[in-house]
């Protein structure tokens, strides 16, 4: 069994829970009521996604995204 590593983006939702996407696997999306639930669910979604690609004879994408945290500043303007 080959191990692959992918970056996942966890986005907190206003109603609670998380939506998770995997940029290297377009359309691979999951969610969960908690971070832990979302983690379990996205791992399963990734496995199913990769199995589907393999079954269809398609290449397995390599992770190539560079995610960098950047500092940004802005001038706050007072409202009248």
PDB file of N, CA and C in Angstrom:
ATOM      1  N   UNK A   1       0.855  -1.180   0.000  1.00  0.00           N
ATOM      2  CA  UNK A   1       0.000   0.000   0.000  1.00  0.00           C
ATOM      3  C   UNK A   1       0.896   1.238   0.000  1.00  0.00           C
ATOM      4  N   UNK A   2       0.610   2.141  -0.902  1.00  0.00           N
ATOM      5  CA  UNK A   2       1.390   3.370  -1.025  1.00  0.00           C
ATOM      6  C   UNK A   2       0.761   4.463  -0.176  1.00  0.00           C
ATOM      7  N   UNK A   3       1.584   5.215   0.540  1.00  0.00           N
ATOM      8  CA  UNK A   3       1.084   6.335   1.334  1.00  0.00           C
ATOM      9  C   UNK A   3       1.290   7.630   0.557  1.00  0.00           C
ATOM     10  N   UNK A   4       0.251   8.448   0.559  1.00  0.00           N
ATOM     11  CA  UNK A   4       0.308   9.772  -0.060  1.00  0.00           C
ATOM     12  C   UNK A   4       0.000  10.791   1.030  1.00  0.00           C
ATOM     13  N   UNK A   5       0.514  11.985   0.865  1.00  0.00           N
ATOM     14  CA  UNK A   5       0.266  13.066   1.819  1.00  0.00           C
ATOM     15  C   UNK A   5      -0.312  14.260   1.070  1.00  0.00           C
ATOM     16  N   UNK A   6      -1.425  14.766   1.597  1.00  0.00           N
ATOM     17  CA  UNK A   6      -2.100  15.899   0.987  1.00  0.00           C
ATOM     18  C   UNK A   6      -2.408  16.956   2.043  1.00  0.00           C
ATOM     19  N   UNK A   7      -2.411  18.208   1.600  1.00  0.00           N
ATOM     20  CA  UNK A   7      -2.794  19.314   2.477  1.00  0.00           C
ATOM     21  C   UNK A   7      -4.315  19.455   2.431  1.00  0.00           C
ATOM     22  N   UNK A   8      -4.901  19.704   3.594  1.00  0.00           N
ATOM     23  CA  UNK A   8      -6.351  19.889   3.682  1.00  0.00           C
ATOM     24  C   UNK A   8      -6.629  21.226   4.344  1.00  0.00           C
ATOM     25  N   UNK A   9      -7.643  21.908   3.846  1.00  0.00           N
ATOM     26  CA  UNK A   9      -8.041  23.210   4.376  1.00  0.00           C
ATOM     27  C   UNK A   9      -9.318  23.034   5.188  1.00  0.00           C
ATOM     28  N   UNK A  10      -9.234  23.298   6.492  1.00  0.00           N
ATOM     29  CA  UNK A  10     -10.372  23.193   7.402  1.00  0.00           C
ATOM     30  C   UNK A  10     -10.955  24.590   7.591  1.00  0.00           C
ATOM     31  N   UNK A  11     -12.202  24.769   7.191  1.00  0.00           N
ATOM     32  CA  UNK A  11     -12.869  26.058   7.320  1.00  0.00           C
ATOM     33  C   UNK A  11     -14.000  25.945   8.337  1.00  0.00           C
ATOM     34  N   UNK A  12     -13.889  26.687   9.460  1.00  0.00           N
ATOM     35  CA  UNK A  12     -14.983  26.657  10.435  1.00  0.00           C
ATOM     36  C   UNK A  12     -16.236  27.264   9.827  1.00  0.00           C
ATOM     37  N   UNK A  13     -17.381  26.689  10.147  1.00  0.00           N
ATOM     38  CA  UNK A  13     -18.658  27.160   9.631  1.00  0.00           C
ATOM     39  C   UNK A  13     -19.413  27.921  10.719  1.00  0.00           C
ATOM     40  N   UNK A  14     -20.158  28.945  10.318  1.00  0.00           N
ATOM     41  CA  UNK A  14     -20.906  29.767  11.284  1.00  0.00           C
ATOM     42  C   UNK A  14     -21.851  28.934  12.130  1.00  0.00           C
ATOM     43  N   UNK A  15     -22.470  27.931  11.521  1.00  0.00           N
ATOM     44  CA  UNK A  15     -23.433  27.095  12.240  1.00  0.00           C
ATOM     45  C   UNK A  15     -22.742  26.014  13.079  1.00  0.00           C
ATOM     46  N   UNK A  16     -21.406  25.989  13.015  1.00  0.00           N
ATOM     47  CA  UNK A  16     -20.625  25.002  13.750  1.00  0.00           C
ATOM     48  C   UNK A  16     -20.048  23.969  12.803  1.00  0.00           C
ATOM     49  N   UNK A  17     -19.046  23.297  13.270  1.00  0.00           N
ATOM     50  CA  UNK A  17     -18.403  22.275  12.455  1.00  0.00           C
ATOM     51  C   UNK A  17     -17.428  22.861  11.456  1.00  0.00           C
ATOM     52  N   UNK A  18     -16.953  22.003  10.575  1.00  0.00           N
ATOM     53  CA  UNK A  18     -15.937  22.373   9.593  1.00  0.00           C
ATOM     54  C   UNK A  18     -16.278  21.801   8.226  1.00  0.00           C
ATOM     55  N   UNK A  19     -15.941  22.554   7.205  1.00  0.00           N
ATOM     56  CA  UNK A  19     -15.916  22.052   5.839  1.00  0.00           C
ATOM     57  C   UNK A  19     -14.442  21.902   5.485  1.00  0.00           C
ATOM     58  N   UNK A  20     -14.111  20.791   4.839  1.00  0.00           N
ATOM     59  CA  UNK A  20     -12.711  20.500   4.530  1.00  0.00           C
ATOM     60  C   UNK A  20     -12.569  20.252   3.033  1.00  0.00           C
ATOM     61  N   UNK A  21     -11.567  20.902   2.423  1.00  0.00           N
ATOM     62  CA  UNK A  21     -11.244  20.682   1.021  1.00  0.00           C
ATOM     63  C   UNK A  21      -9.784  20.276   0.892  1.00  0.00           C
ATOM     64  N   UNK A  22      -9.486  19.601  -0.202  1.00  0.00           N
ATOM     65  CA  UNK A  22      -8.118  19.172  -0.493  1.00  0.00           C
ATOM     66  C   UNK A  22      -7.749  19.790  -1.842  1.00  0.00           C
ATOM     67  N   UNK A  23      -6.965  20.874  -1.840  1.00  0.00           N
ATOM     68  CA  UNK A  23      -6.686  21.586  -3.090  1.00  0.00           C
ATOM     69  C   UNK A  23      -6.089  20.716  -4.202  1.00  0.00           C
ATOM     70  N   UNK A  24      -5.292  19.731  -3.868  1.00  0.00           N
ATOM     71  CA  UNK A  24      -4.664  18.892  -4.885  1.00  0.00           C
ATOM     72  C   UNK A  24      -5.635  17.891  -5.501  1.00  0.00           C
ATOM     73  N   UNK A  25      -6.804  17.723  -4.859  1.00  0.00           N
ATOM     74  CA  UNK A  25      -7.807  16.767  -5.342  1.00  0.00           C
ATOM     75  C   UNK A  25      -9.114  17.517  -5.593  1.00  0.00           C
ATOM     76  N   UNK A  26      -9.260  18.144  -6.747  1.00  0.00           N
ATOM     77  CA  UNK A  26     -10.450  18.959  -7.029  1.00  0.00           C
ATOM     78  C   UNK A  26     -11.744  18.173  -6.786  1.00  0.00           C
ATOM     79  N   UNK A  27     -12.649  18.779  -6.030  1.00  0.00           N
ATOM     80  CA  UNK A  27     -13.921  18.146  -5.737  1.00  0.00           C
ATOM     81  C   UNK A  27     -13.907  17.245  -4.522  1.00  0.00           C
ATOM     82  N   UNK A  28     -12.745  17.054  -3.916  1.00  0.00           N
ATOM     83  CA  UNK A  28     -12.656  16.236  -2.701  1.00  0.00           C
ATOM     84  C   UNK A  28     -12.989  17.141  -1.520  1.00  0.00           C
ATOM     85  N   UNK A  29     -14.210  17.004  -1.028  1.00  0.00           N
ATOM     86  CA  UNK A  29     -14.734  17.866   0.028  1.00  0.00           C
ATOM     87  C   UNK A  29     -15.442  16.996   1.051  1.00  0.00           C
ATOM     88  N   UNK A  30     -15.326  17.366   2.313  1.00  0.00           N
ATOM     89  CA  UNK A  30     -16.060  16.683   3.366  1.00  0.00           C
ATOM     90  C   UNK A  30     -16.366  17.687   4.459  1.00  0.00           C
ATOM     91  N   UNK A  31     -16.978  17.208   5.530  1.00  0.00           N
ATOM     92  CA  UNK A  31     -17.321  18.083   6.644  1.00  0.00           C
ATOM     93  C   UNK A  31     -17.448  17.252   7.905  1.00  0.00           C
ATOM     94  N   UNK A  32     -17.569  17.938   9.016  1.00  0.00           N
ATOM     95  CA  UNK A  32     -17.774  17.264  10.283  1.00  0.00           C
ATOM     96  C   UNK A  32     -18.249  18.246  11.332  1.00  0.00           C
ATOM     97  N   UNK A  33     -18.958  17.730  12.327  1.00  0.00           N
ATOM     98  CA  UNK A  33     -19.469  18.586  13.397  1.00  0.00           C
ATOM     99  C   UNK A  33     -18.360  19.088  14.314  1.00  0.00           C
ATOM    100  N   UNK A  34     -17.251  18.347  14.377  1.00  0.00           N
ATOM    101  CA  UNK A  34     -16.087  18.750  15.161  1.00  0.00           C
ATOM    102  C   UNK A  34     -14.853  18.611  14.283  1.00  0.00           C
ATOM    103  N   UNK A  35     -13.742  19.162  14.745  1.00  0.00           N
ATOM    104  CA  UNK A  35     -12.485  19.018  14.010  1.00  0.00           C
ATOM    105  C   UNK A  35     -12.143  17.545  13.845  1.00  0.00           C
ATOM    106  N   UNK A  36     -12.282  16.773  14.912  1.00  0.00           N
ATOM    107  CA  UNK A  36     -11.951  15.345  14.852  1.00  0.00           C
ATOM    108  C   UNK A  36     -12.842  14.608  13.865  1.00  0.00           C
ATOM    109  N   UNK A  37     -14.147  14.904  13.877  1.00  0.00           N
ATOM    110  CA  UNK A  37     -15.062  14.280  12.916  1.00  0.00           C
ATOM    111  C   UNK A  37     -14.673  14.652  11.488  1.00  0.00           C
ATOM    112  N   UNK A  38     -14.369  15.923  11.282  1.00  0.00           N
ATOM    113  CA  UNK A  38     -13.986  16.394   9.952  1.00  0.00           C
ATOM    114  C   UNK A  38     -12.699  15.714   9.490  1.00  0.00           C
ATOM    115  N   UNK A  39     -11.763  15.497  10.407  1.00  0.00           N
ATOM    116  CA  UNK A  39     -10.506  14.831  10.065  1.00  0.00           C
ATOM    117  C   UNK A  39     -10.761  13.394   9.607  1.00  0.00           C
ATOM    118  N   UNK A  40     -11.562  12.673  10.367  1.00  0.00           N
ATOM    119  CA  UNK A  40     -11.887  11.294   9.989  1.00  0.00           C
ATOM    120  C   UNK A  40     -12.581  11.267   8.633  1.00  0.00           C
ATOM    121  N   UNK A  41     -13.535  12.164   8.446  1.00  0.00           N
ATOM    122  CA  UNK A  41     -14.326  12.187   7.217  1.00  0.00           C
ATOM    123  C   UNK A  41     -13.482  12.541   5.988  1.00  0.00           C
ATOM    124  N   UNK A  42     -12.561  13.502   6.119  1.00  0.00           N
ATOM    125  CA  UNK A  42     -11.767  13.878   4.941  1.00  0.00           C
ATOM    126  C   UNK A  42     -10.763  12.789   4.603  1.00  0.00           C
ATOM    127  N   UNK A  43     -10.243  12.092   5.600  1.00  0.00           N
ATOM    128  CA  UNK A  43      -9.333  10.969   5.303  1.00  0.00           C
ATOM    129  C   UNK A  43     -10.067   9.892   4.507  1.00  0.00           C
ATOM    130  N   UNK A  44     -11.310   9.611   4.896  1.00  0.00           N
ATOM    131  CA  UNK A  44     -12.106   8.631   4.156  1.00  0.00           C
ATOM    132  C   UNK A  44     -12.394   9.133   2.746  1.00  0.00           C
ATOM    133  N   UNK A  45     -12.730  10.421   2.621  1.00  0.00           N
ATOM    134  CA  UNK A  45     -13.015  10.999   1.306  1.00  0.00           C
ATOM    135  C   UNK A  45     -11.793  10.931   0.394  1.00  0.00           C
ATOM    136  N   UNK A  46     -10.609  11.195   0.949  1.00  0.00           N
ATOM    137  CA  UNK A  46      -9.377  11.122   0.157  1.00  0.00           C
ATOM    138  C   UNK A  46      -9.155   9.697  -0.329  1.00  0.00           C
ATOM    139  N   UNK A  47      -9.315   8.732   0.557  1.00  0.00           N
ATOM    140  CA  UNK A  47      -9.127   7.322   0.179  1.00  0.00           C
ATOM    141  C   UNK A  47     -10.081   6.935  -0.950  1.00  0.00           C
ATOM    142  N   UNK A  48     -11.350   7.299  -0.811  1.00  0.00           N
ATOM    143  CA  UNK A  48     -12.331   6.970  -1.846  1.00  0.00           C
ATOM    144  C   UNK A  48     -12.016   7.683  -3.163  1.00  0.00           C
ATOM    145  N   UNK A  49     -11.576   8.917  -3.072  1.00  0.00           N
ATOM    146  CA  UNK A  49     -11.211   9.700  -4.260  1.00  0.00           C
ATOM    147  C   UNK A  49     -10.074   9.004  -5.007  1.00  0.00           C
ATOM    148  N   UNK A  50      -9.027   8.624  -4.265  1.00  0.00           N
ATOM    149  CA  UNK A  50      -7.868   7.985  -4.893  1.00  0.00           C
ATOM    150  C   UNK A  50      -8.236   6.621  -5.469  1.00  0.00           C
ATOM    151  N   UNK A  51      -9.059   5.859  -4.761  1.00  0.00           N
ATOM    152  CA  UNK A  51      -9.502   4.559  -5.270  1.00  0.00           C
ATOM    153  C   UNK A  51     -10.293   4.723  -6.560  1.00  0.00           C
ATOM    154  N   UNK A  52     -11.123   5.760  -6.617  1.00  0.00           N
ATOM    155  CA  UNK A  52     -11.913   6.020  -7.814  1.00  0.00           C
ATOM    156  C   UNK A  52     -11.013   6.359  -9.004  1.00  0.00           C
ATOM    157  N   UNK A  53     -10.003   7.191  -8.765  1.00  0.00           N
ATOM    158  CA  UNK A  53      -9.051   7.517  -9.830  1.00  0.00           C
ATOM    159  C   UNK A  53      -8.357   6.249 -10.327  1.00  0.00           C
ATOM    160  N   UNK A  54      -7.923   5.435  -9.388  1.00  0.00           N
ATOM    161  CA  UNK A  54      -7.211   4.207  -9.741  1.00  0.00           C
ATOM    162  C   UNK A  54      -8.121   3.269 -10.534  1.00  0.00           C
ATOM    163  N   UNK A  55      -9.370   3.121 -10.093  1.00  0.00           N
ATOM    164  CA  UNK A  55     -10.323   2.259 -10.799  1.00  0.00           C
ATOM    165  C   UNK A  55     -10.560   2.733 -12.227  1.00  0.00           C
ATOM    166  N   UNK A  56     -10.508   4.050 -12.429  1.00  0.00           N
ATOM    167  CA  UNK A  56     -10.725   4.630 -13.756  1.00  0.00           C
ATOM    168  C   UNK A  56      -9.444   4.713 -14.582  1.00  0.00           C
ATOM    169  N   UNK A  57      -8.337   4.231 -14.025  1.00  0.00           N
ATOM    170  CA  UNK A  57      -7.063   4.254 -14.745  1.00  0.00           C
ATOM    171  C   UNK A  57      -6.457   5.637 -14.868  1.00  0.00           C
ATOM    172  N   UNK A  58      -6.844   6.537 -13.982  1.00  0.00           N
ATOM    173  CA  UNK A  58      -6.337   7.911 -14.025  1.00  0.00           C
ATOM    174  C   UNK A  58      -5.152   8.066 -13.083  1.00  0.00           C
ATOM    175  N   UNK A  59      -4.290   9.038 -13.352  1.00  0.00           N
ATOM    176  CA  UNK A  59      -3.120   9.237 -12.494  1.00  0.00           C
ATOM    177  C   UNK A  59      -3.507   9.768 -11.111  1.00  0.00           C
ATOM    178  N   UNK A  60      -2.721   9.388 -10.126  1.00  0.00           N
ATOM    179  CA  UNK A  60      -2.894   9.881  -8.759  1.00  0.00           C
ATOM    180  C   UNK A  60      -2.117  11.189  -8.640  1.00  0.00           C
ATOM    181  N   UNK A  61      -2.794  12.299  -8.327  1.00  0.00           N
ATOM    182  CA  UNK A  61      -2.105  13.590  -8.238  1.00  0.00           C
ATOM    183  C   UNK A  61      -1.100  13.630  -7.084  1.00  0.00           C
ATOM    184  N   UNK A  62      -0.008  14.296  -7.326  1.00  0.00           N
ATOM    185  CA  UNK A  62       0.980  14.566  -6.285  1.00  0.00           C
ATOM    186  C   UNK A  62       0.610  15.890  -5.625  1.00  0.00           C
ATOM    187  N   UNK A  63       0.897  16.008  -4.354  1.00  0.00           N
ATOM    188  CA  UNK A  63       0.689  17.278  -3.645  1.00  0.00           C
ATOM    189  C   UNK A  63       1.775  18.244  -4.095  1.00  0.00           C
ATOM    190  N   UNK A  64       1.366  19.418  -4.576  1.00  0.00           N
ATOM    191  CA  UNK A  64       2.349  20.404  -5.022  1.00  0.00           C
ATOM    192  C   UNK A  64       1.993  21.812  -4.565  1.00  0.00           C
ATOM    193  N   UNK A  65       1.058  21.925  -3.630  1.00  0.00           N
ATOM    194  CA  UNK A  65       0.647  23.248  -3.159  1.00  0.00           C
ATOM    195  C   UNK A  65       1.579  23.734  -2.056  1.00  0.00           C
ATOM    196  N   UNK A  66       1.932  24.979  -2.147  1.00  0.00           N
ATOM    197  CA  UNK A  66       2.716  25.636  -1.112  1.00  0.00           C
ATOM    198  C   UNK A  66       1.773  26.595  -0.397  1.00  0.00           C
ATOM    199  N   UNK A  67       1.533  26.344   0.857  1.00  0.00           N
ATOM    200  CA  UNK A  67       0.640  27.198   1.637  1.00  0.00           C
ATOM    201  C   UNK A  67       1.505  28.014   2.588  1.00  0.00           C
ATOM    202  N   UNK A  68       1.394  29.329   2.467  1.00  0.00           N
ATOM    203  CA  UNK A  68       2.243  30.245   3.221  1.00  0.00           C
ATOM    204  C   UNK A  68       1.358  31.230   3.972  1.00  0.00           C
ATOM    205  N   UNK A  69       1.660  31.443   5.235  1.00  0.00           N
ATOM    206  CA  UNK A  69       0.946  32.460   6.010  1.00  0.00           C
ATOM    207  C   UNK A  69       1.645  33.792   5.794  1.00  0.00           C
ATOM    208  N   UNK A  70       0.878  34.790   5.388  1.00  0.00           N
ATOM    209  CA  UNK A  70       1.426  36.115   5.105  1.00  0.00           C
ATOM    210  C   UNK A  70       0.852  37.144   6.062  1.00  0.00           C
ATOM    211  N   UNK A  71       1.678  38.121   6.388  1.00  0.00           N
ATOM    212  CA  UNK A  71       1.212  39.240   7.203  1.00  0.00           C
ATOM    213  C   UNK A  71       0.697  40.324   6.279  1.00  0.00           C
ATOM    214  N   UNK A  72      -0.437  40.903   6.627  1.00  0.00           N
ATOM    215  CA  UNK A  72      -0.976  42.005   5.853  1.00  0.00           C
ATOM    216  C   UNK A  72      -1.452  43.070   6.818  1.00  0.00           C
ATOM    217  N   UNK A  73      -1.363  44.309   6.415  1.00  0.00           N
ATOM    218  CA  UNK A  73      -1.821  45.385   7.281  1.00  0.00           C
ATOM    219  C   UNK A  73      -2.713  46.318   6.473  1.00  0.00           C
ATOM    220  N   UNK A  74      -3.547  47.033   7.177  1.00  0.00           N
ATOM    221  CA  UNK A  74      -4.435  47.994   6.540  1.00  0.00           C
ATOM    222  C   UNK A  74      -4.730  49.083   7.535  1.00  0.00           C
ATOM    223  N   UNK A  75      -5.143  50.232   7.013  1.00  0.00           N
ATOM    224  CA  UNK A  75      -5.467  51.366   7.871  1.00  0.00           C
ATOM    225  C   UNK A  75      -6.958  51.315   8.174  1.00  0.00           C
ATOM    226  N   UNK A  76      -7.265  51.284   9.467  1.00  0.00           N
ATOM    227  CA  UNK A  76      -8.669  51.243   9.868  1.00  0.00           C
ATOM    228  C   UNK A  76      -9.224  52.658   9.864  1.00  0.00           C
ATOM    229  N   UNK A  77     -10.362  52.818   9.206  1.00  0.00           N
ATOM    230  CA  UNK A  77     -10.997  54.123   9.093  1.00  0.00           C
ATOM    231  C   UNK A  77     -12.211  54.134  10.003  1.00  0.00           C
ATOM    232  N   UNK A  78     -12.318  55.174  10.827  1.00  0.00           N
ATOM    233  CA  UNK A  78     -13.458  55.307  11.736  1.00  0.00           C
ATOM    234  C   UNK A  78     -14.709  55.636  10.970  1.00  0.00           C
ATOM    235  N   UNK A  79     -15.819  55.045  11.367  1.00  0.00           N
ATOM    236  CA  UNK A  79     -17.100  55.331  10.721  1.00  0.00           C
ATOM    237  C   UNK A  79     -17.758  56.517  11.412  1.00  0.00           C
ATOM    238  N   UNK A  80     -18.454  57.335  10.629  1.00  0.00           N
ATOM    239  CA  UNK A  80     -19.090  58.536  11.172  1.00  0.00           C
ATOM    240  C   UNK A  80     -20.393  58.203  11.855  1.00  0.00           C
TER     241      UNK A  80
END
